[in-house]
Amino acid sequence: MIYETKTALVLRRELAGWQMANVAAFLAGGLAGTHGHMMGEPYKDVTGRAYTALIREPVFVYGGTIEELRRTHQRALSRELVPAVYIEAMFTTTNDADNRTAFAAAPVDALDFVGIGIHGPRKTVDKVVNGLKFLS
């Protein structure tokens, strides 16, 4: 099935495995919390036990350099998308309030992105991630 929308995460390739997983989870959660239509229906097993809903469509995960993440950020903003972001300084914090403080203090023209998440019309997101390679 081809959805009208698309979700993409762009992670810095040199991150440790645990960092990639952590950043991807934060970004996907932020996007799903902002775009409620991303969520599917709850699951039930054969006994009727309930399980939480999942994101209803594929999440495409790309890798990139800091320069490619900055380019992705600029492309998303120029297309009026609101990205989910994670910067290097957020690895040193232990809570959401400190994450926001760290982000607010970062120089906007030199953000040290480690991850960016975007969700929007499929063709728009394709233009934003054009040229990036899937993370492997």
Protein backbone atom coordinates (compact mmCIF):
# COMPACT_ATOMS: atom_id res chain seq x y z
CA MET A 1 0.00 0.00 0.00
CA ILE A 2 1.29 3.46 -0.86
CA TYR A 3 0.39 6.08 1.71
CA GLU A 4 -0.18 9.74 0.90
CA THR A 5 2.25 10.65 3.68
CA LYS A 6 5.76 9.53 4.45
CA THR A 7 7.89 9.41 7.58
CA ALA A 8 11.67 9.60 7.38
CA LEU A 9 14.39 9.63 10.00
CA VAL A 10 17.89 10.78 9.13
CA LEU A 11 20.59 9.69 11.59
CA ARG A 12 24.29 10.49 11.67
CA ARG A 13 26.11 7.41 10.47
CA GLU A 14 28.92 7.52 13.06
CA LEU A 15 26.62 7.14 16.07
CA ALA A 16 26.98 4.12 18.33
CA GLY A 17 24.25 1.51 17.94
CA TRP A 18 22.57 2.46 21.21
CA GLN A 19 22.61 6.12 20.21
CA MET A 20 20.97 5.37 16.85
CA ALA A 21 18.24 3.33 18.52
CA ASN A 22 17.68 5.99 21.18
CA VAL A 23 17.54 8.90 18.74
CA ALA A 24 15.26 7.00 16.34
CA ALA A 25 12.85 6.23 19.19
CA PHE A 26 12.76 9.86 20.35
CA LEU A 27 12.24 11.20 16.83
CA ALA A 28 9.52 8.68 15.91
CA GLY A 29 7.74 9.33 19.20
CA GLY A 30 7.85 13.07 18.63
CA LEU A 31 6.46 12.77 15.12
CA ALA A 32 3.71 10.34 16.19
CA GLY A 33 2.76 12.64 19.06
CA THR A 34 2.48 15.59 16.69
CA HIS A 35 0.82 13.77 13.79
CA GLY A 36 -1.84 11.57 15.40
CA HIS A 37 -2.91 10.18 12.03
CA MET A 38 0.41 8.29 11.91
CA MET A 39 -0.91 5.86 14.51
CA GLY A 40 -2.70 2.64 13.62
CA GLU A 41 -5.22 0.76 15.72
CA PRO A 42 -4.37 -1.18 18.90
CA TYR A 43 -3.51 -4.86 18.57
CA LYS A 44 -5.12 -7.86 20.27
CA ASP A 45 -3.79 -11.38 20.55
CA VAL A 46 -5.85 -14.53 20.17
CA THR A 47 -6.92 -14.34 23.84
CA GLY A 48 -8.19 -10.78 23.44
CA ARG A 49 -5.30 -9.25 25.43
CA ALA A 50 -4.73 -5.66 24.30
CA TYR A 51 -1.46 -4.25 23.00
CA THR A 52 -0.60 -0.69 22.07
CA ALA A 53 -1.04 0.72 18.59
CA LEU A 54 2.00 1.14 16.35
CA ILE A 55 2.85 3.65 13.68
CA ARG A 56 0.65 2.60 10.74
CA GLU A 57 3.05 3.18 7.87
CA PRO A 58 6.71 2.38 7.24
CA VAL A 59 9.34 4.65 8.72
CA PHE A 60 12.24 5.10 6.33
CA VAL A 61 15.61 5.44 8.05
CA TYR A 62 18.48 7.14 6.26
CA GLY A 63 22.07 7.77 7.31
CA GLY A 64 24.05 10.89 6.71
CA THR A 65 26.87 13.19 7.68
CA ILE A 66 26.40 16.33 9.75
CA GLU A 67 26.35 18.33 6.51
CA GLU A 68 23.63 16.08 5.06
CA LEU A 69 21.56 16.44 8.23
CA ARG A 70 21.89 20.22 8.06
CA ARG A 71 20.83 20.14 4.41
CA THR A 72 17.87 17.91 5.31
CA HIS A 73 16.89 20.36 8.04
CA GLN A 74 17.01 23.32 5.65
CA ARG A 75 15.06 21.44 2.97
CA ALA A 76 12.37 20.49 5.51
CA LEU A 77 12.03 24.07 6.74
CA SER A 78 11.92 25.47 3.20
CA ARG A 79 8.96 23.16 2.51
CA GLU A 80 7.20 24.26 5.69
CA LEU A 81 7.61 20.90 7.44
CA VAL A 82 8.15 20.91 11.21
CA PRO A 83 10.98 18.46 11.91
CA ALA A 84 11.68 16.48 15.03
CA VAL A 85 15.30 17.15 16.01
CA TYR A 86 17.98 15.67 18.25
CA ILE A 87 21.37 17.34 18.71
CA GLU A 88 24.64 16.14 20.24
CA ALA A 89 24.19 18.15 23.44
CA MET A 90 21.01 16.21 24.24
CA PHE A 91 23.11 13.09 24.94
CA THR A 92 24.42 14.83 28.07
CA THR A 93 21.00 15.58 29.57
CA THR A 94 18.72 13.32 31.55
CA ASN A 95 15.27 14.80 31.01
CA ASP A 96 13.00 16.56 28.54
CA ALA A 97 13.29 20.01 30.12
CA ASP A 98 17.10 19.91 29.92
CA ASN A 99 16.88 18.67 26.31
CA ARG A 100 14.81 21.72 25.38
CA THR A 101 17.24 24.01 27.25
CA ALA A 102 20.22 22.47 25.43
CA PHE A 103 18.50 22.87 22.07
CA ALA A 104 17.46 26.47 22.78
CA ALA A 105 21.09 27.36 23.64
CA ALA A 106 22.56 25.83 20.46
CA PRO A 107 23.62 28.16 17.62
CA VAL A 108 20.90 27.89 14.98
CA ASP A 109 23.35 28.30 12.09
CA ALA A 110 25.58 25.43 13.29
CA LEU A 111 23.31 22.87 14.94
CA ASP A 112 25.16 19.63 15.66
CA PHE A 113 22.36 17.34 14.54
CA VAL A 114 22.53 13.64 15.29
CA GLY A 115 19.00 12.98 14.05
CA ILE A 116 16.12 14.61 12.20
CA GLY A 117 12.64 13.22 11.72
CA ILE A 118 10.14 14.46 9.18
CA HIS A 119 6.59 13.56 8.28
CA GLY A 120 4.49 15.04 5.53
CA PRO A 121 3.16 14.54 2.04
CA ARG A 122 5.06 11.67 0.40
CA LYS A 123 6.34 13.70 -2.56
CA THR A 124 7.51 16.52 -0.30
CA VAL A 125 9.40 14.18 2.03
CA ASP A 126 10.96 12.48 -1.01
CA LYS A 127 12.37 15.86 -2.09
CA VAL A 128 13.73 16.55 1.40
CA VAL A 129 15.61 13.22 1.61
CA ASN A 130 16.67 13.14 -2.04
CA GLY A 131 20.25 11.92 -2.37
CA LEU A 132 20.42 10.21 1.03
CA LYS A 133 21.12 6.49 1.39
CA PHE A 134 19.20 4.11 3.64
CA LEU A 135 20.96 3.34 6.90
CA SER A 136 22.48 -0.13 6.85
